N, C-alpha and C. Protein backbone atom coordinates (compact mmCIF):
# COMPACT_ATOMS: atom_id res chain seq x y z
N UNK A 1 -157.70 -183.28 10.09
CA UNK A 1 -156.92 -182.07 9.63
C UNK A 1 -155.63 -181.73 10.94
N UNK A 2 -154.53 -181.33 9.73
CA UNK A 2 -153.29 -181.30 10.45
C UNK A 2 -153.24 -179.34 10.09
N UNK A 3 -153.88 -178.95 10.10
CA UNK A 3 -153.38 -177.18 9.82
C UNK A 3 -153.11 -176.65 11.11
N UNK A 4 -151.80 -175.73 10.52
CA UNK A 4 -151.10 -175.38 11.57
C UNK A 4 -150.49 -176.26 12.72
N UNK A 5 -150.44 -177.51 12.50
CA UNK A 5 -149.74 -177.99 13.88
C UNK A 5 -147.93 -178.30 12.83
N UNK A 6 -147.15 -177.54 13.53
CA UNK A 6 -145.92 -177.93 12.81
C UNK A 6 -144.58 -179.33 13.65
N UNK A 7 -144.04 -179.42 12.47
CA UNK A 7 -142.63 -181.09 13.21
C UNK A 7 -143.92 -182.18 12.15
N UNK A 8 -142.84 -183.08 11.58
CA UNK A 8 -143.60 -184.59 11.34
C UNK A 8 -143.50 -185.28 12.20
N UNK A 9 -144.71 -186.45 12.26
CA UNK A 9 -144.14 -187.45 13.35
C UNK A 9 -143.59 -188.85 12.94
N UNK A 10 -143.74 -188.93 10.97
CA UNK A 10 -142.52 -189.88 11.18
C UNK A 10 -143.22 -191.39 11.37
N UNK A 11 -144.41 -191.55 11.61
CA UNK A 11 -145.35 -192.33 12.59
C UNK A 11 -144.30 -193.37 13.47
N UNK A 12 -144.17 -192.24 14.28
CA UNK A 12 -142.99 -192.73 15.89
C UNK A 12 -144.04 -191.98 16.79
N UNK A 13 -143.48 -192.31 18.31
CA UNK A 13 -143.96 -191.59 19.26
C UNK A 13 -142.90 -190.42 19.52
N UNK A 14 -143.28 -189.90 20.66
CA UNK A 14 -142.66 -188.62 20.30
C UNK A 14 -141.54 -189.03 21.38
N UNK A 15 -140.75 -189.75 21.87
CA UNK A 15 -139.56 -190.13 22.78
C UNK A 15 -138.83 -190.67 21.12
N UNK A 16 -139.44 -191.56 20.56
CA UNK A 16 -138.69 -192.62 19.20
C UNK A 16 -138.40 -191.18 18.43
N UNK A 17 -138.99 -189.75 18.00
CA UNK A 17 -138.82 -189.34 17.00
C UNK A 17 -138.07 -187.87 17.70
N UNK A 18 -137.60 -188.04 18.92
CA UNK A 18 -136.38 -187.21 19.59
C UNK A 18 -135.15 -187.93 19.41
N UNK A 19 -135.41 -189.24 19.98
CA UNK A 19 -134.38 -190.44 19.85
C UNK A 19 -133.48 -190.39 18.29
N UNK A 20 -134.37 -190.29 16.99
CA UNK A 20 -134.22 -190.62 15.90
C UNK A 20 -133.65 -189.14 15.41
N UNK A 21 -134.00 -187.89 15.81
CA UNK A 21 -133.81 -186.30 15.68
C UNK A 21 -131.94 -186.63 16.16
N UNK A 22 -131.81 -186.93 17.33
CA UNK A 22 -130.25 -186.78 18.04
C UNK A 22 -129.23 -187.64 16.78
N UNK A 23 -129.91 -188.46 16.59
CA UNK A 23 -129.45 -189.45 15.80
C UNK A 23 -128.73 -188.85 14.83
N UNK A 24 -129.52 -188.63 13.99
CA UNK A 24 -129.09 -188.36 12.53
C UNK A 24 -128.72 -186.86 12.71
N UNK A 25 -128.95 -186.18 13.54
CA UNK A 25 -127.85 -184.50 13.71
C UNK A 25 -126.12 -184.64 13.68
N UNK A 26 -126.58 -186.24 14.84
CA UNK A 26 -124.99 -186.37 15.40
C UNK A 26 -124.51 -186.74 13.83
N UNK A 27 -125.14 -187.54 13.27
CA UNK A 27 -124.60 -188.56 12.10
C UNK A 27 -123.97 -187.93 11.28
N UNK A 28 -124.75 -186.48 10.75
CA UNK A 28 -124.92 -185.97 9.62
C UNK A 28 -123.15 -184.70 10.15
N UNK A 29 -123.01 -184.51 11.32
CA UNK A 29 -121.99 -183.58 12.14
C UNK A 29 -120.83 -184.45 12.07
N UNK A 30 -120.88 -185.63 12.17
CA UNK A 30 -119.74 -186.62 12.54
C UNK A 30 -119.42 -187.18 10.54
N UNK A 31 -120.40 -187.55 9.75
CA UNK A 31 -119.81 -187.56 8.65
C UNK A 31 -120.21 -186.53 7.42
N UNK A 32 -120.76 -185.35 7.76
CA UNK A 32 -121.03 -184.16 7.06
C UNK A 32 -121.61 -184.63 5.74
N UNK A 33 -121.96 -185.64 5.88
CA UNK A 33 -123.51 -186.12 4.86
C UNK A 33 -123.63 -187.45 4.90
N UNK A 34 -125.25 -187.85 4.87
CA UNK A 34 -126.14 -188.52 5.07
C UNK A 34 -126.69 -188.48 3.94
N UNK A 35 -127.12 -190.43 3.91
CA UNK A 35 -128.15 -190.44 2.80
C UNK A 35 -129.47 -191.11 3.16
N UNK A 36 -130.46 -190.78 3.18
CA UNK A 36 -131.86 -191.37 4.47
C UNK A 36 -132.71 -190.70 3.57
N UNK A 37 -134.17 -190.86 3.69
CA UNK A 37 -135.38 -190.11 3.06
C UNK A 37 -135.91 -188.59 3.25
N UNK A 38 -136.09 -188.81 2.10
CA UNK A 38 -136.52 -186.82 2.27
C UNK A 38 -137.57 -186.71 3.54
N UNK A 39 -138.28 -187.63 3.58
CA UNK A 39 -139.20 -186.83 4.95
C UNK A 39 -138.39 -186.68 6.31
N UNK A 40 -137.21 -187.78 6.78
CA UNK A 40 -136.34 -187.91 7.78
C UNK A 40 -135.82 -186.49 7.52
N UNK A 41 -134.94 -186.36 6.17
CA UNK A 41 -134.16 -185.40 5.91
C UNK A 41 -135.11 -184.49 6.20
N UNK A 42 -136.06 -184.26 5.87
CA UNK A 42 -136.09 -182.53 6.78
C UNK A 42 -137.30 -182.27 7.67
N UNK A 43 -137.43 -183.13 8.21
CA UNK A 43 -137.42 -183.10 9.66
C UNK A 43 -136.13 -182.97 10.65
N UNK A 44 -134.89 -183.15 10.43
CA UNK A 44 -134.11 -183.37 10.66
C UNK A 44 -133.21 -181.94 10.44
N UNK A 45 -133.18 -181.39 9.09
CA UNK A 45 -132.49 -180.38 8.53
C UNK A 45 -132.49 -178.95 9.84
N UNK A 46 -133.84 -178.43 10.00
CA UNK A 46 -134.08 -177.38 10.67
C UNK A 46 -133.47 -177.33 11.95
N UNK A 47 -133.29 -179.20 12.36
CA UNK A 47 -132.68 -178.91 13.75
C UNK A 47 -130.87 -178.85 13.81
N UNK A 48 -130.42 -179.64 12.55
CA UNK A 48 -128.97 -179.13 12.18
C UNK A 48 -128.78 -177.73 12.16
N UNK A 49 -129.54 -177.09 11.20
CA UNK A 49 -129.02 -175.43 10.90
C UNK A 49 -129.10 -174.52 12.27
N UNK A 50 -130.54 -175.20 13.73
CA UNK A 50 -130.48 -174.32 14.15
C UNK A 50 -129.05 -174.45 15.29
N UNK A 51 -128.62 -175.71 15.27
CA UNK A 51 -127.00 -176.00 15.99
C UNK A 51 -126.13 -175.10 15.50
N UNK A 52 -126.29 -175.30 14.04
CA UNK A 52 -124.90 -174.80 14.11
C UNK A 52 -124.98 -172.83 14.19
N UNK A 53 -126.20 -172.66 14.16
CA UNK A 53 -126.43 -171.10 13.99
C UNK A 53 -126.20 -171.12 16.03
N UNK A 54 -126.57 -171.86 16.62
CA UNK A 54 -125.89 -171.89 18.04
C UNK A 54 -124.70 -171.46 18.15
N UNK A 55 -123.70 -172.84 17.80
CA UNK A 55 -122.25 -172.69 17.71
C UNK A 55 -121.78 -171.62 17.18
N UNK A 56 -122.36 -171.05 16.15
CA UNK A 56 -121.72 -169.59 15.66
C UNK A 56 -121.67 -168.52 16.44
N UNK A 57 -122.60 -168.60 17.53
CA UNK A 57 -123.20 -167.68 18.56
C UNK A 57 -122.12 -167.43 19.62
N UNK A 58 -121.68 -169.13 19.67
CA UNK A 58 -121.08 -169.49 21.20
C UNK A 58 -119.76 -169.30 20.96
N UNK A 59 -119.12 -169.34 19.86
CA UNK A 59 -117.54 -169.06 19.17
C UNK A 59 -118.09 -167.31 19.32
N UNK A 60 -118.40 -166.51 19.01
CA UNK A 60 -118.93 -165.17 19.04
C UNK A 60 -118.61 -164.63 20.35
N UNK A 61 -119.43 -165.31 21.44
CA UNK A 61 -119.48 -165.02 22.66
C UNK A 61 -118.35 -165.28 23.54
N UNK A 62 -117.72 -164.84 24.71
CA UNK A 62 -117.03 -164.80 25.76
C UNK A 62 -117.62 -164.88 26.88
N UNK A 63 -116.58 -165.93 27.89
CA UNK A 63 -117.20 -165.68 29.29
C UNK A 63 -118.28 -167.39 29.06
N UNK A 64 -118.91 -166.45 30.22
CA UNK A 64 -120.29 -167.41 30.54
C UNK A 64 -121.11 -167.53 29.79
N UNK A 65 -121.69 -166.95 28.69
CA UNK A 65 -122.23 -167.20 28.01
C UNK A 65 -121.90 -168.49 26.61
N UNK A 66 -120.77 -168.35 26.77
CA UNK A 66 -119.78 -169.39 25.91
C UNK A 66 -119.93 -170.40 26.47
N UNK A 67 -120.04 -170.63 27.73
CA UNK A 67 -119.65 -171.91 28.33
C UNK A 67 -121.52 -172.45 28.44
N UNK A 68 -122.14 -171.55 28.40
CA UNK A 68 -123.89 -171.45 28.16
C UNK A 68 -124.33 -172.29 27.18
N UNK A 69 -123.77 -171.41 25.95
CA UNK A 69 -124.18 -172.17 24.69
C UNK A 69 -124.09 -173.69 24.32
N UNK A 70 -122.19 -173.62 24.96
CA UNK A 70 -121.28 -175.56 24.94
C UNK A 70 -122.65 -176.38 25.31
N UNK A 71 -122.96 -176.17 26.58
CA UNK A 71 -123.75 -177.05 27.26
C UNK A 71 -125.24 -177.27 26.89
N UNK A 72 -125.68 -175.94 26.41
CA UNK A 72 -127.01 -176.17 25.41
C UNK A 72 -127.50 -177.45 24.57
N UNK A 73 -125.90 -176.74 23.58
CA UNK A 73 -125.40 -178.10 22.16
C UNK A 73 -125.29 -179.43 22.90
N UNK A 74 -124.22 -179.24 23.94
CA UNK A 74 -124.26 -181.20 24.52
C UNK A 74 -125.49 -181.49 25.13
N UNK A 75 -126.70 -180.72 25.25
CA UNK A 75 -127.78 -181.40 26.30
C UNK A 75 -128.19 -181.74 25.04
N UNK A 76 -128.62 -181.30 23.61
CA UNK A 76 -129.24 -181.55 22.28
C UNK A 76 -128.40 -182.57 21.88
N UNK A 77 -127.22 -182.83 21.58
CA UNK A 77 -126.84 -183.90 21.31
C UNK A 77 -126.56 -185.23 21.68
N UNK A 78 -125.97 -184.88 23.02
CA UNK A 78 -124.94 -185.59 24.17
C UNK A 78 -124.23 -186.65 23.48
N UNK A 79 -123.21 -186.00 23.06
CA UNK A 79 -121.77 -186.49 22.72
C UNK A 79 -120.70 -185.51 22.35
N UNK A 80 -119.51 -185.87 23.14
CA UNK A 80 -118.80 -184.35 23.84
C UNK A 80 -117.87 -184.06 22.41
N UNK A 81 -117.51 -185.39 21.64
CA UNK A 81 -116.96 -184.98 20.97
C UNK A 81 -117.76 -184.79 19.47
N UNK A 82 -118.30 -184.71 19.36
CA UNK A 82 -119.71 -184.25 18.06
C UNK A 82 -119.95 -182.82 18.59
N UNK A 83 -120.23 -182.52 19.76
CA UNK A 83 -120.38 -180.50 20.02
C UNK A 83 -118.96 -180.13 19.63
N UNK A 84 -117.56 -181.00 20.37
CA UNK A 84 -116.14 -180.06 19.95
C UNK A 84 -115.89 -180.02 18.50
N UNK A 85 -116.48 -180.92 17.35
CA UNK A 85 -116.31 -180.77 16.35
C UNK A 85 -117.35 -179.47 15.54
N UNK A 86 -118.42 -179.54 16.18
CA UNK A 86 -119.44 -178.58 15.87
C UNK A 86 -118.92 -177.01 15.74
N UNK A 87 -118.51 -176.80 17.50
CA UNK A 87 -118.16 -175.60 17.66
C UNK A 87 -116.80 -175.69 17.11
N UNK A 88 -115.47 -176.39 16.93
CA UNK A 88 -114.40 -175.73 16.09
C UNK A 88 -113.74 -176.19 14.95
N UNK A 89 -114.66 -177.24 15.02
CA UNK A 89 -114.71 -177.18 12.16
C UNK A 89 -115.80 -176.81 11.64
N UNK A 90 -116.87 -177.09 11.94
CA UNK A 90 -118.04 -177.25 11.46
C UNK A 90 -118.51 -175.24 11.17
N UNK A 91 -118.46 -174.71 12.44
CA UNK A 91 -119.22 -173.31 12.96
C UNK A 91 -118.25 -172.25 12.08
N UNK A 92 -117.14 -172.48 12.55
CA UNK A 92 -116.19 -171.74 11.76
C UNK A 92 -115.87 -171.64 10.34
N UNK A 93 -116.38 -172.49 9.64
CA UNK A 93 -116.54 -172.73 8.32
C UNK A 93 -117.99 -171.76 7.69
N UNK A 94 -119.06 -171.65 8.78
CA UNK A 94 -119.98 -171.17 8.28
C UNK A 94 -119.98 -169.24 8.71
N UNK A 95 -119.31 -168.98 9.55
CA UNK A 95 -118.63 -167.53 9.93
C UNK A 95 -119.63 -166.85 8.95
N UNK A 96 -119.37 -166.30 8.12
CA UNK A 96 -119.38 -165.22 7.33
C UNK A 96 -121.08 -165.71 6.19
N UNK A 97 -121.86 -166.86 6.57
CA UNK A 97 -123.08 -166.80 6.10
C UNK A 97 -124.05 -166.86 7.34
N UNK A 98 -125.55 -166.93 6.27
CA UNK A 98 -125.98 -166.36 7.06
C UNK A 98 -127.07 -167.08 7.57
N UNK A 99 -126.93 -168.43 6.89
CA UNK A 99 -127.96 -169.20 6.52
C UNK A 99 -127.77 -170.60 5.58
N UNK A 100 -128.89 -171.58 5.39
CA UNK A 100 -128.66 -172.61 4.40
C UNK A 100 -127.49 -173.25 4.27
N UNK A 101 -127.05 -173.78 5.37
CA UNK A 101 -125.70 -174.61 5.94
C UNK A 101 -126.07 -176.15 5.34
N UNK A 102 -127.19 -176.56 5.11
CA UNK A 102 -127.16 -177.88 4.52
C UNK A 102 -128.34 -178.04 3.16
N UNK A 103 -128.03 -178.63 2.47
CA UNK A 103 -128.16 -178.98 0.99
C UNK A 103 -129.01 -180.58 1.00
N UNK A 104 -129.77 -180.63 0.35
CA UNK A 104 -130.79 -181.95 0.16
C UNK A 104 -130.61 -182.30 -1.89
N UNK A 105 -130.14 -183.24 -1.48
CA UNK A 105 -129.81 -183.81 -3.55
C UNK A 105 -130.64 -184.94 -3.50
N UNK A 106 -131.66 -185.00 -4.62
CA UNK A 106 -132.53 -185.91 -5.01
C UNK A 106 -131.81 -186.97 -5.26
N UNK A 107 -132.32 -188.38 -4.70
CA UNK A 107 -131.05 -189.42 -5.40
C UNK A 107 -132.27 -190.60 -6.20
N UNK A 108 -133.55 -190.18 -6.06
CA UNK A 108 -134.75 -191.09 -6.53
C UNK A 108 -135.35 -192.10 -5.47
N UNK A 109 -136.58 -193.10 -6.16
CA UNK A 109 -136.95 -193.98 -5.14
C UNK A 109 -135.78 -194.92 -4.86
N UNK A 110 -136.18 -195.38 -3.42
CA UNK A 110 -135.57 -196.64 -2.90
C UNK A 110 -136.52 -197.88 -3.93
N UNK A 111 -135.61 -199.12 -4.45
CA UNK A 111 -136.71 -200.46 -4.54
C UNK A 111 -137.50 -200.67 -3.88
N UNK A 112 -136.89 -201.15 -2.16
CA UNK A 112 -137.66 -201.49 -1.48
C UNK A 112 -139.06 -201.07 -1.20
N UNK A 113 -139.03 -200.19 -0.81
CA UNK A 113 -140.70 -199.42 -0.64
C UNK A 113 -141.17 -198.04 -1.27
N UNK A 114 -140.32 -198.05 -2.39
CA UNK A 114 -140.31 -196.60 -3.17
C UNK A 114 -140.69 -194.90 -1.98
N UNK A 115 -139.79 -195.15 -1.66
CA UNK A 115 -139.63 -193.95 -0.81
C UNK A 115 -138.61 -193.45 -1.33
N UNK A 116 -138.72 -191.99 -1.11
CA UNK A 116 -137.73 -190.96 -2.06
C UNK A 116 -136.74 -190.93 -1.01
N UNK A 117 -135.00 -191.15 -2.03
CA UNK A 117 -134.10 -190.69 -1.42
C UNK A 117 -133.21 -189.91 -1.32
N UNK A 118 -132.97 -188.61 -0.18
CA UNK A 118 -132.11 -187.91 -0.52
C UNK A 118 -130.56 -187.93 -0.27
N UNK A 119 -129.51 -187.42 -0.11
CA UNK A 119 -128.46 -187.39 0.58
C UNK A 119 -128.74 -185.96 1.25
N UNK A 120 -128.97 -185.53 2.63
CA UNK A 120 -128.14 -184.57 3.32
C UNK A 120 -127.01 -184.63 3.50
N UNK A 121 -126.18 -182.88 3.29
CA UNK A 121 -124.92 -182.97 3.26
C UNK A 121 -124.18 -180.91 3.71
N UNK A 122 -123.95 -181.41 4.25
CA UNK A 122 -123.60 -179.70 4.78
C UNK A 122 -122.47 -178.86 3.82
N UNK A 123 -123.02 -177.71 3.27
CA UNK A 123 -122.56 -176.83 2.03
C UNK A 123 -121.28 -176.79 2.34
N UNK A 124 -120.77 -176.56 1.43
CA UNK A 124 -118.79 -177.07 1.18
C UNK A 124 -118.64 -175.34 1.28
N UNK A 125 -118.44 -174.64 1.67
CA UNK A 125 -117.89 -172.88 1.65
C UNK A 125 -117.51 -172.31 3.01
């Protein structure tokens, strides 16, 4: 039984899950909308929202703390261009929003394997 165990395994090892999460969050910030399975979207959604909150905190900070927050985001994303976009474009959009930066829209099932497909996108506001 998996009582009180957080996170989804997604039929992958730890390293594969970390790589999948990093790639999908990067693609979400790059394209601002991705089409994926519901299980992957639910696994990635929390990480993306935490990074946006981190970027909001970094934009409000000054000096050494602002640099520290950018380095934390860069360590989790491993792409300088996406980190810049996160701090300069995405985080200011959600400055007055307390949370709920992403939206999942159901698309139905995929014909090949009957997986439930969704669109995970950043909220427009």
